[in-house]
Amino acid sequence: MNVTRRSLPLLRPLGRRISSSSRRLSENALEDKKHEARLKTAVNWVHRTLKPTTAIRTVLPTTIYAHQVPRDTPVSELLNLVLFGPLFRVKVRGVGQMRFVSLTFYETDKAKAFFREMTDNEVVLRGSRLKFTWGHSRVYHNRRPGTRAIYLHDVQRLGGTNDAIKERMSQYGRVDRVLFTNNGRTAFVDFYTEAYARNAIDELHREGVKAGFADDRCYTAGALRAAAVRNHVRQVILSNIPSETSVSELCDHIRGGALEKIVFVPERRVAFVDFLTHEDAIAFSRYAIYHGITLAGQRLFVQMKEDKPHLTALAPHIAASAAHGASRCLRVINTPERTVDAARRAFERYGAVERVEFQPPATATVAFLSIRGAIAASRLILSQPGYEYAEVEFTPDHCAAPLPSAQNAAQTLRAHITKFLSLHEMLQTHDQSQANGWAPEPEPEPKGGEESEGEEVQQPQQPFQRGRDLAPHIFRRDWNPT
């Protein structure tokens, strides 16, 4: 390209713009290099100052104290009430008959949610009502992620039993719970703190045992309950049931709603309770968790499973029958059977029977384990020999009785209403007496003649008129609160 003297004035501005752009690029690159150097210096200082296991403390408190915990109560029973998590640390403190347990969460939001739920509900543990307050400890966030729970795959190498695993893991720290899954081939161990779990994993890896961090059971239980509430699950799972418990004894402790069915597995010490409505299942699970259900001195463990189609939707014909008064209990009038065993054999052909009760002269109440069996028996039993003159009708499910907490609330409300009605009746009597010209009798004059000088004279007191003297404007007919 030939540049003439005439074209030089046109190229000078372009050259100036190019030089200024290159100058700015070099300045930006220099600033980037300086910023990168400052950042690298700060990171190196942090690595030199802080150790790998040092934690960074947050500002907001995340520790909650549980007071009035009975001394003979295992900490695992208290942790069954914690449906928020994960937990960072559990500490047991206090002396005497009562003690308190500190629960430290990782996140402040989880601690707030747990504290709100504990204070909104009456929490009872082995007859003692618990009290919850905020602590002063802060949560610790480690750079290496971990929880207070671990999993073990080489279970047989470590003993293979619950007691053996717990005794072995106690060498690394206090153990909360040991749970077996996968037909006993895998075990989950929950420690009191994350430090115990990390120490156990490091030691087991040196011995060649396959182990690693697992989800905290408090976090898992909370996630399952949240999924059950979100998907309207109607099933409640009761575990830790004594093996000698009968299904009738178990049903005597289930209250709050009619059941669709109940499946009890004594070998696994677990029962699956299906309610007709999701609201009844939630109310019963909340009562069973916070008030507790105790059988043979053992507190049952309560949880709700995740969403499944057969656990959420009620069959259409079952829903229609229940809407018309059907339940899992039948009353049979003029029954030909005269013994409990004979009546049980007669009705077990339609479904498993929970109990049979007789009322004189010839009336039997039969409770099935499923509402399907009761519906089938109500339709087919009259065609059996001897039941031509019998009458069959549904009777309310005894599990639909109100929860004890609801009964106590109803009794308290009834007492308040009675007190209010008595006060209202007293005020009406007072108004009627004033309308009839009633006036208080004058006080008798003091004896002794004239009053002595310098002596204080007590004025006669007027009779107290209940609420009128406290708020007279409320009893005026023309009073308007606005």
Protein backbone atom coordinates (compact mmCIF):
# COMPACT_ATOMS: atom_id res chain seq x y z
CA MET A 1 0.00 0.00 0.00
CA ASN A 2 1.45 3.35 -1.08
CA VAL A 3 1.05 6.06 1.55
CA THR A 4 1.25 9.53 0.08
CA ARG A 5 1.81 12.77 1.90
CA ARG A 6 -1.83 13.64 1.27
CA SER A 7 -3.12 10.52 3.15
CA LEU A 8 -0.99 11.00 6.29
CA PRO A 9 -3.44 13.37 8.05
CA LEU A 10 -6.15 10.69 7.69
CA LEU A 11 -4.01 7.93 9.24
CA ARG A 12 -2.77 9.89 12.28
CA PRO A 13 -6.12 9.63 14.30
CA LEU A 14 -6.30 5.92 13.57
CA GLY A 15 -2.78 5.44 14.88
CA ARG A 16 -3.56 7.41 18.03
CA ARG A 17 -6.65 5.23 18.68
CA ILE A 18 -4.63 2.05 18.15
CA SER A 19 -1.90 3.18 20.51
CA SER A 20 -4.41 4.22 23.21
CA SER A 21 -6.22 0.86 22.93
CA SER A 22 -2.98 -1.08 23.25
CA ARG A 23 -2.00 1.07 26.24
CA ARG A 24 -5.35 0.31 27.97
CA LEU A 25 -4.97 -3.41 27.27
CA SER A 26 -1.52 -3.43 28.80
CA GLU A 27 -2.77 -1.52 31.85
CA ASN A 28 -5.69 -4.01 32.33
CA ALA A 29 -3.33 -6.95 32.01
CA LEU A 30 -1.07 -5.38 34.61
CA GLU A 31 -4.00 -4.83 37.00
CA ASP A 32 -5.11 -8.45 36.48
CA LYS A 33 -1.64 -9.67 37.31
CA LYS A 34 -1.53 -7.52 40.45
CA HIS A 35 -4.98 -8.75 41.57
CA GLU A 36 -3.96 -12.36 40.94
CA ALA A 37 -0.79 -11.86 42.96
CA ARG A 38 -2.71 -10.29 45.88
CA LEU A 39 -5.23 -13.15 45.83
CA LYS A 40 -2.46 -15.74 45.79
CA THR A 41 -0.78 -14.03 48.73
CA ALA A 42 -4.04 -14.05 50.74
CA VAL A 43 -4.67 -17.74 50.00
CA ASN A 44 -1.12 -18.65 51.04
CA TRP A 45 -1.57 -16.71 54.30
CA VAL A 46 -4.80 -18.58 55.06
CA HIS A 47 -3.11 -21.93 54.42
CA ARG A 48 -0.17 -20.99 56.63
CA THR A 49 -2.35 -19.65 59.44
CA LEU A 50 -5.21 -22.19 59.57
CA LYS A 51 -4.67 -25.90 60.08
CA PRO A 52 -6.56 -28.42 57.88
CA THR A 53 -8.92 -29.40 60.74
CA THR A 54 -9.52 -25.86 62.03
CA ALA A 55 -13.13 -24.72 61.74
CA ILE A 56 -14.62 -21.33 60.97
CA ARG A 57 -17.17 -20.08 63.51
CA THR A 58 -20.42 -18.49 62.38
CA VAL A 59 -22.18 -15.52 63.95
CA LEU A 60 -25.66 -16.90 64.73
CA PRO A 61 -26.20 -19.53 67.45
CA THR A 62 -27.11 -23.02 66.33
CA THR A 63 -27.22 -24.89 69.67
CA ILE A 64 -30.45 -25.77 71.50
CA TYR A 65 -30.63 -27.14 75.04
CA ALA A 66 -33.20 -29.81 75.95
CA HIS A 67 -33.90 -29.58 79.70
CA GLN A 68 -35.65 -31.95 82.15
CA VAL A 69 -34.41 -35.10 80.38
CA PRO A 70 -34.71 -38.09 82.78
CA ARG A 71 -31.37 -39.64 83.64
CA ASP A 72 -32.48 -43.17 82.71
CA THR A 73 -33.52 -42.06 79.20
CA PRO A 74 -31.15 -43.06 76.36
CA VAL A 75 -30.05 -40.19 74.15
CA SER A 76 -31.29 -42.14 71.12
CA GLU A 77 -34.89 -41.67 72.33
CA LEU A 78 -34.37 -37.91 72.43
CA LEU A 79 -32.78 -37.90 68.98
CA ASN A 80 -35.84 -39.73 67.65
CA LEU A 81 -37.69 -36.45 68.22
CA VAL A 82 -35.25 -34.48 66.06
CA LEU A 83 -36.66 -34.29 62.53
CA PHE A 84 -34.34 -31.53 61.34
CA GLY A 85 -30.70 -31.79 60.54
CA PRO A 86 -28.02 -32.80 60.10
CA LEU A 87 -26.60 -32.45 63.61
CA PHE A 88 -23.00 -31.47 64.15
CA ARG A 89 -22.64 -32.41 67.81
CA VAL A 90 -24.59 -33.92 70.72
CA LYS A 91 -23.51 -33.36 74.33
CA VAL A 92 -25.01 -34.68 77.56
CA ARG A 93 -24.64 -32.49 80.63
CA GLY A 94 -26.06 -32.15 84.12
CA VAL A 95 -26.14 -34.14 87.35
CA GLY A 96 -28.90 -35.54 89.54
CA GLN A 97 -32.16 -37.07 88.44
CA MET A 98 -32.58 -34.64 85.53
CA ARG A 99 -30.04 -33.57 82.93
CA PHE A 100 -29.97 -31.51 79.76
CA VAL A 101 -28.70 -32.33 76.28
CA SER A 102 -27.21 -29.79 73.88
CA LEU A 103 -27.96 -30.23 70.18
CA THR A 104 -25.75 -28.29 67.76
CA PHE A 105 -26.92 -27.97 64.15
CA TYR A 106 -24.92 -27.07 61.07
CA GLU A 107 -27.41 -24.45 59.89
CA THR A 108 -29.22 -21.77 61.85
CA ASP A 109 -32.42 -22.24 59.82
CA LYS A 110 -32.63 -25.88 60.86
CA ALA A 111 -32.08 -24.95 64.49
CA LYS A 112 -34.83 -22.32 64.30
CA ALA A 113 -37.27 -24.76 62.71
CA PHE A 114 -36.55 -27.40 65.35
CA PHE A 115 -36.92 -24.91 68.21
CA ARG A 116 -40.21 -23.61 66.79
CA GLU A 117 -41.68 -27.10 66.49
CA MET A 118 -40.56 -28.15 69.96
CA THR A 119 -42.08 -25.05 71.57
CA ASP A 120 -45.33 -25.32 69.60
CA ASN A 121 -45.90 -28.91 70.79
CA GLU A 122 -45.94 -30.45 74.24
CA VAL A 123 -43.00 -32.86 74.24
CA VAL A 124 -43.06 -35.63 76.87
CA LEU A 125 -40.24 -38.12 77.39
CA ARG A 126 -40.80 -40.89 79.96
CA GLY A 127 -43.30 -38.84 81.90
CA SER A 128 -41.18 -35.67 81.99
CA ARG A 129 -42.19 -32.62 79.97
CA LEU A 130 -39.14 -31.25 78.16
CA LYS A 131 -38.19 -27.60 77.97
CA PHE A 132 -36.09 -26.15 75.15
CA THR A 133 -33.89 -23.04 75.24
CA TRP A 134 -31.22 -21.51 73.02
CA GLY A 135 -27.56 -22.18 73.76
CA HIS A 136 -24.44 -20.08 73.27
CA SER A 137 -22.39 -22.41 71.08
CA ARG A 138 -21.86 -21.75 67.40
CA VAL A 139 -21.74 -24.18 64.52
CA TYR A 140 -18.42 -25.21 63.03
CA HIS A 141 -18.03 -25.58 59.26
CA ASN A 142 -15.11 -27.80 58.29
CA ARG A 143 -13.50 -27.56 54.92
CA ARG A 144 -13.67 -31.34 54.65
CA PRO A 145 -17.33 -32.40 54.36
CA GLY A 146 -18.63 -35.03 56.75
CA THR A 147 -21.42 -36.05 59.11
CA ARG A 148 -21.69 -37.85 62.44
CA ALA A 149 -22.93 -41.05 60.69
CA ILE A 150 -20.88 -43.70 58.88
CA TYR A 151 -21.60 -46.90 56.97
CA LEU A 152 -19.75 -50.23 57.29
CA HIS A 153 -19.65 -52.94 54.63
CA ASP A 154 -17.43 -55.51 56.36
CA VAL A 155 -19.94 -56.22 59.12
CA GLN A 156 -19.00 -59.86 59.70
CA ARG A 157 -15.36 -58.89 60.09
CA LEU A 158 -16.31 -56.54 62.93
CA GLY A 159 -18.52 -58.99 64.82
CA GLY A 160 -21.76 -59.14 62.86
CA THR A 161 -24.09 -58.30 65.78
CA ASN A 162 -25.48 -55.06 67.12
CA ASP A 163 -23.68 -55.32 70.45
CA ALA A 164 -20.37 -56.27 68.85
CA ILE A 165 -20.49 -53.38 66.36
CA LYS A 166 -21.46 -50.90 69.07
CA GLU A 167 -18.69 -52.10 71.38
CA ARG A 168 -16.11 -51.87 68.59
CA MET A 169 -17.23 -48.40 67.47
CA SER A 170 -17.23 -47.15 71.07
CA GLN A 171 -13.42 -47.22 70.88
CA TYR A 172 -13.58 -44.14 68.61
CA GLY A 173 -16.28 -42.17 70.50
CA ARG A 174 -19.74 -42.33 72.01
CA VAL A 175 -22.25 -44.13 69.80
CA ASP A 176 -25.86 -43.04 69.35
CA ARG A 177 -27.32 -45.94 67.34
CA VAL A 178 -26.41 -48.93 65.18
CA LEU A 179 -28.78 -49.94 62.35
CA PHE A 180 -28.46 -52.94 60.01
CA THR A 181 -29.71 -52.97 56.42
CA ASN A 182 -29.26 -55.02 53.27
CA ASN A 183 -30.05 -58.28 55.10
CA GLY A 184 -27.45 -57.59 57.76
CA ARG A 185 -24.57 -57.02 55.35
CA THR A 186 -24.38 -53.24 55.89
CA ALA A 187 -24.47 -51.30 59.16
CA PHE A 188 -25.01 -47.61 59.80
CA VAL A 189 -23.46 -46.14 62.95
CA ASP A 190 -24.42 -42.72 64.35
CA PHE A 191 -21.91 -41.07 66.70
CA TYR A 192 -22.39 -38.11 69.01
CA THR A 193 -20.14 -35.80 66.99
CA GLU A 194 -18.62 -35.54 63.54
CA ALA A 195 -15.12 -35.76 65.02
CA TYR A 196 -15.85 -39.27 66.35
CA ALA A 197 -17.12 -40.38 62.95
CA ARG A 198 -14.08 -38.96 61.14
CA ASN A 199 -11.74 -40.65 63.59
CA ALA A 200 -13.53 -43.99 63.13
CA ILE A 201 -13.29 -43.80 59.33
CA ASP A 202 -9.58 -42.99 59.42
CA GLU A 203 -8.82 -45.88 61.79
CA LEU A 204 -11.00 -48.36 59.85
CA HIS A 205 -9.31 -47.42 56.58
CA ARG A 206 -5.94 -48.22 58.12
CA GLU A 207 -7.28 -51.65 59.04
CA GLY A 208 -8.63 -52.21 55.53
CA VAL A 209 -12.32 -51.96 56.45
CA LYS A 210 -14.59 -50.30 53.88
CA ALA A 211 -16.33 -47.37 55.58
CA GLY A 212 -17.47 -43.85 54.74
CA PHE A 213 -19.74 -41.00 55.71
CA ALA A 214 -23.52 -41.51 55.57
CA ASP A 215 -26.57 -39.25 55.94
CA ASP A 216 -27.48 -38.20 59.45
CA ARG A 217 -30.57 -40.08 60.64
CA CYS A 218 -32.17 -36.83 61.87
CA TYR A 219 -31.85 -35.36 58.39
CA THR A 220 -33.19 -38.55 56.78
CA ALA A 221 -36.22 -38.72 59.11
CA GLY A 222 -37.03 -35.07 58.42
CA ALA A 223 -36.74 -35.55 54.66
CA LEU A 224 -39.04 -38.58 54.78
CA ARG A 225 -41.65 -36.69 56.80
CA ALA A 226 -41.48 -33.70 54.46
CA ALA A 227 -41.99 -35.99 51.44
CA ALA A 228 -44.89 -37.74 53.19
CA VAL A 229 -46.60 -34.43 53.97
CA ARG A 230 -46.00 -33.14 50.46
CA ASN A 231 -47.43 -36.28 48.82
CA HIS A 232 -50.32 -36.86 51.32
CA VAL A 233 -49.10 -40.24 52.54
CA ARG A 234 -51.55 -42.06 54.83
CA GLN A 235 -49.21 -44.71 56.26
CA VAL A 236 -47.42 -44.50 59.63
CA ILE A 237 -44.68 -47.02 60.49
CA LEU A 238 -44.24 -48.11 64.10
CA SER A 239 -41.04 -49.97 64.99
CA ASN A 240 -39.26 -51.16 68.13
CA ILE A 241 -42.43 -53.02 69.14
CA PRO A 242 -41.89 -55.72 71.80
CA SER A 243 -42.09 -59.17 70.22
CA GLU A 244 -44.67 -60.41 72.76
CA THR A 245 -47.14 -57.62 71.87
CA SER A 246 -50.43 -58.68 70.27
CA VAL A 247 -52.13 -56.75 67.50
CA SER A 248 -55.06 -55.94 69.82
CA GLU A 249 -52.71 -54.34 72.37
CA LEU A 250 -51.12 -52.32 69.59
CA CYS A 251 -54.50 -51.10 68.30
CA ASP A 252 -55.45 -49.98 71.81
CA HIS A 253 -52.68 -47.35 71.58
CA ILE A 254 -53.64 -46.08 68.10
CA ARG A 255 -56.02 -43.13 68.23
CA GLY A 256 -57.01 -40.13 66.18
CA GLY A 257 -58.60 -41.62 63.06
CA ALA A 258 -60.26 -44.61 61.41
CA LEU A 259 -57.93 -47.16 59.83
CA GLU A 260 -57.96 -48.65 56.37
CA LYS A 261 -55.72 -51.53 57.47
CA ILE A 262 -52.92 -52.47 59.83
CA VAL A 263 -50.16 -55.00 59.11
CA PHE A 264 -48.16 -56.24 62.10
CA VAL A 265 -44.92 -58.21 61.60
CA PRO A 266 -43.80 -59.54 65.02
CA GLU A 267 -40.56 -61.02 63.62
CA ARG A 268 -39.39 -57.59 62.48
CA ARG A 269 -41.06 -55.80 65.42
CA VAL A 270 -42.70 -53.38 63.03
CA ALA A 271 -46.28 -52.42 62.15
CA PHE A 272 -47.63 -50.55 59.10
CA VAL A 273 -50.72 -48.49 59.96
CA ASP A 274 -52.77 -47.05 57.07
CA PHE A 275 -55.33 -44.36 57.96
CA LEU A 276 -58.29 -43.40 55.81
CA THR A 277 -57.15 -39.77 55.59
CA HIS A 278 -53.79 -38.08 55.43
CA GLU A 279 -54.73 -35.56 58.12
CA ASP A 280 -55.41 -38.32 60.66
CA ALA A 281 -52.07 -39.95 59.86
CA ILE A 282 -50.21 -36.67 60.40
CA ALA A 283 -52.02 -35.97 63.69
CA PHE A 284 -51.32 -39.45 65.05
CA SER A 285 -47.65 -39.40 64.00
CA ARG A 286 -47.14 -36.01 65.65
CA TYR A 287 -48.74 -37.25 68.88
CA ALA A 288 -46.78 -40.53 68.81
CA ILE A 289 -43.49 -38.70 68.26
CA TYR A 290 -43.84 -35.94 70.85
CA HIS A 291 -45.97 -37.65 73.53
CA GLY A 292 -44.74 -41.16 72.90
CA ILE A 293 -46.32 -44.62 72.79
CA THR A 294 -44.83 -47.06 75.29
CA LEU A 295 -45.37 -50.83 75.23
CA ALA A 296 -43.76 -53.07 77.86
CA GLY A 297 -41.46 -50.23 78.89
CA GLN A 298 -40.22 -49.55 75.33
CA ARG A 299 -40.98 -46.34 73.45
CA LEU A 300 -42.00 -46.96 69.85
CA PHE A 301 -40.13 -45.36 66.98
CA VAL A 302 -42.47 -43.51 64.57
CA GLN A 303 -41.83 -42.48 60.99
CA MET A 304 -43.63 -41.92 57.67
CA LYS A 305 -42.34 -43.32 54.40
CA GLU A 306 -41.86 -41.55 51.10
CA ASP A 307 -44.58 -41.28 48.48
CA LYS A 308 -45.93 -44.46 46.88
CA PRO A 309 -49.11 -44.79 44.78
CA HIS A 310 -50.75 -47.32 47.12
CA LEU A 311 -49.96 -45.18 50.15
CA THR A 312 -51.44 -41.92 48.88
CA ALA A 313 -54.66 -42.62 46.95
CA LEU A 314 -57.54 -44.51 48.55
CA ALA A 315 -59.34 -47.03 46.31
CA PRO A 316 -62.57 -45.51 44.89
CA HIS A 317 -64.89 -48.22 46.24
CA ILE A 318 -63.23 -48.03 49.68
CA ALA A 319 -63.61 -44.25 49.71
CA ALA A 320 -67.28 -44.50 48.70
CA SER A 321 -68.02 -47.12 51.36
CA ALA A 322 -66.22 -45.11 54.05
CA ALA A 323 -68.19 -42.01 53.06
CA HIS A 324 -71.41 -43.96 53.74
CA GLY A 325 -70.28 -45.07 57.21
CA ALA A 326 -68.25 -48.21 56.51
CA SER A 327 -65.39 -49.09 58.87
CA ARG A 328 -63.33 -52.14 59.77
CA CYS A 329 -65.67 -52.98 62.70
CA LEU A 330 -69.01 -54.83 62.46
CA ARG A 331 -71.81 -55.38 64.96
CA VAL A 332 -73.69 -58.66 64.40
CA ILE A 333 -77.06 -58.98 66.16
CA ASN A 334 -78.63 -62.43 66.70
CA THR A 335 -75.41 -64.21 65.85
CA PRO A 336 -75.60 -68.02 66.00
CA GLU A 337 -72.06 -68.24 67.42
CA ARG A 338 -71.74 -68.33 71.19
CA THR A 339 -67.96 -68.31 71.72
CA VAL A 340 -65.18 -65.99 70.67
CA ASP A 341 -63.24 -68.74 68.88
CA ALA A 342 -66.30 -69.84 66.89
CA ALA A 343 -67.07 -66.27 65.82
CA ARG A 344 -63.43 -65.69 64.86
CA ARG A 345 -63.40 -68.83 62.68
CA ALA A 346 -66.66 -67.76 61.03
CA PHE A 347 -65.41 -64.29 60.08
CA GLU A 348 -61.75 -65.05 59.30
CA ARG A 349 -62.78 -66.43 55.92
CA TYR A 350 -63.31 -62.80 54.82
CA GLY A 351 -60.14 -61.34 56.32
CA ALA A 352 -57.82 -61.29 59.30
CA VAL A 353 -59.66 -60.49 62.55
CA GLU A 354 -58.20 -58.26 65.26
CA ARG A 355 -60.66 -59.04 68.08
CA VAL A 356 -64.15 -60.37 68.82
CA GLU A 357 -66.26 -59.11 71.74
CA PHE A 358 -69.64 -60.44 72.91
CA GLN A 359 -72.49 -58.44 74.41
CA PRO A 360 -75.50 -60.28 75.85
CA PRO A 361 -77.68 -61.80 74.76
CA ALA A 362 -76.46 -62.59 71.21
CA THR A 363 -74.55 -59.59 69.87
CA ALA A 364 -70.94 -59.75 68.70
CA THR A 365 -68.58 -56.95 67.68
CA VAL A 366 -65.95 -58.05 65.17
CA ALA A 367 -62.95 -55.83 64.36
CA PHE A 368 -61.01 -56.72 61.21
CA LEU A 369 -57.45 -55.74 60.38
CA SER A 370 -58.66 -54.24 57.11
CA ILE A 371 -61.76 -52.39 56.02
CA ARG A 372 -61.92 -54.61 52.95
CA GLY A 373 -62.58 -57.66 55.14
CA ALA A 374 -65.37 -55.85 56.99
CA ILE A 375 -67.05 -54.79 53.74
CA ALA A 376 -66.85 -58.33 52.35
CA ALA A 377 -68.24 -59.84 55.56
CA SER A 378 -71.14 -57.37 55.68
CA ARG A 379 -72.20 -58.46 52.19
CA LEU A 380 -71.63 -62.22 52.39
CA ILE A 381 -72.14 -63.33 55.99
CA LEU A 382 -75.94 -63.26 55.79
CA SER A 383 -75.84 -66.01 53.15
CA GLN A 384 -74.14 -68.42 55.56
CA PRO A 385 -76.18 -71.06 57.44
CA GLY A 386 -77.45 -69.84 60.78
CA TYR A 387 -77.23 -66.14 59.88
CA GLU A 388 -80.66 -65.89 58.19
CA TYR A 389 -82.10 -63.91 61.11
CA ALA A 390 -78.93 -61.98 61.93
CA GLU A 391 -78.48 -58.24 61.45
CA VAL A 392 -75.15 -56.78 60.40
CA GLU A 393 -74.19 -53.11 60.68
CA PHE A 394 -70.99 -51.07 60.74
CA THR A 395 -69.84 -49.66 64.06
CA PRO A 396 -67.30 -46.85 64.58
CA ASP A 397 -63.65 -47.85 64.62
CA HIS A 398 -62.28 -47.74 68.17
CA CYS A 399 -59.03 -46.31 66.74
CA ALA A 400 -61.05 -43.24 65.68
CA ALA A 401 -61.36 -42.12 69.30
CA PRO A 402 -59.84 -38.67 69.97
CA LEU A 403 -56.20 -38.42 70.86
CA PRO A 404 -55.46 -37.93 74.58
CA SER A 405 -54.10 -34.46 73.87
CA ALA A 406 -57.35 -33.53 72.11
CA GLN A 407 -59.35 -34.91 75.05
CA ASN A 408 -57.36 -32.79 77.49
CA ALA A 409 -57.89 -29.72 75.33
CA ALA A 410 -61.64 -30.46 75.17
CA GLN A 411 -61.83 -30.81 78.95
CA THR A 412 -60.02 -27.49 79.42
CA LEU A 413 -62.35 -25.78 76.95
CA ARG A 414 -65.37 -27.29 78.70
CA ALA A 415 -64.15 -25.95 82.05
CA HIS A 416 -63.72 -22.45 80.59
CA ILE A 417 -67.19 -22.53 79.03
CA THR A 418 -68.74 -23.64 82.33
CA LYS A 419 -66.99 -20.82 84.18
CA PHE A 420 -68.14 -18.29 81.59
CA LEU A 421 -71.76 -19.48 81.77
CA SER A 422 -71.77 -19.25 85.55
CA LEU A 423 -70.40 -15.69 85.38
CA HIS A 424 -72.99 -14.78 82.74
CA GLU A 425 -75.80 -16.16 84.90
CA MET A 426 -74.51 -14.20 87.89
CA LEU A 427 -74.49 -10.96 85.88
CA GLN A 428 -78.04 -11.61 84.62
CA THR A 429 -79.21 -12.14 88.20
CA HIS A 430 -77.55 -8.88 89.21
CA ASP A 431 -79.22 -6.96 86.35
CA GLN A 432 -82.63 -8.42 87.24
CA SER A 433 -82.23 -7.47 90.90
CA GLN A 434 -81.35 -3.89 89.95
CA ALA A 435 -84.39 -3.71 87.66
CA ASN A 436 -86.63 -4.78 90.59
CA GLY A 437 -85.40 -1.84 92.69
CA TRP A 438 -82.76 -3.56 94.75
CA ALA A 439 -80.46 -1.21 96.67
CA PRO A 440 -77.67 -1.98 99.10
CA GLU A 441 -78.61 -1.68 102.80
CA PRO A 442 -77.05 1.35 104.53
CA GLU A 443 -74.17 0.72 106.85
CA PRO A 444 -74.94 1.17 110.57
CA GLU A 445 -73.62 4.40 112.11
CA PRO A 446 -70.61 4.00 114.37
CA LYS A 447 -71.33 3.99 118.08
CA GLY A 448 -69.78 6.33 120.61
CA GLY A 449 -71.46 9.64 119.66
CA GLU A 450 -69.56 12.33 117.81
CA GLU A 451 -66.30 11.69 116.05
CA SER A 452 -63.22 12.50 118.03
CA GLU A 453 -60.88 15.13 116.63
CA GLY A 454 -57.85 13.81 114.77
CA GLU A 455 -59.28 10.30 114.37
CA GLU A 456 -59.61 8.92 110.85
CA VAL A 457 -63.12 7.86 109.86
CA GLN A 458 -63.54 4.79 107.58
CA GLN A 459 -66.07 5.31 104.83
CA PRO A 460 -68.56 2.46 104.23
CA GLN A 461 -67.60 0.32 101.22
CA GLN A 462 -70.07 -0.24 98.41
CA PRO A 463 -70.70 -3.83 97.31
CA PHE A 464 -68.47 -4.97 94.41
CA GLN A 465 -70.48 -5.38 91.17
CA ARG A 466 -68.29 -7.87 89.33
CA GLY A 467 -67.41 -6.76 85.81
CA ARG A 468 -69.37 -3.48 85.91
CA ASP A 469 -66.88 -1.85 88.28
CA LEU A 470 -63.95 -3.02 86.14
CA ALA A 471 -65.29 -1.94 82.72
CA PRO A 472 -68.59 -0.03 83.12
CA HIS A 473 -68.62 1.19 79.50
CA ILE A 474 -68.95 -2.39 78.20
CA PHE A 475 -72.35 -2.81 79.89
CA ARG A 476 -73.88 0.36 78.41
CA ARG A 477 -76.31 -0.32 75.63
CA ASP A 478 -75.20 2.72 73.59
CA TRP A 479 -71.48 1.89 73.79
CA ASN A 480 -69.77 1.48 70.41
CA PRO A 481 -66.19 0.16 70.40
CA THR A 482 -65.41 2.01 67.15
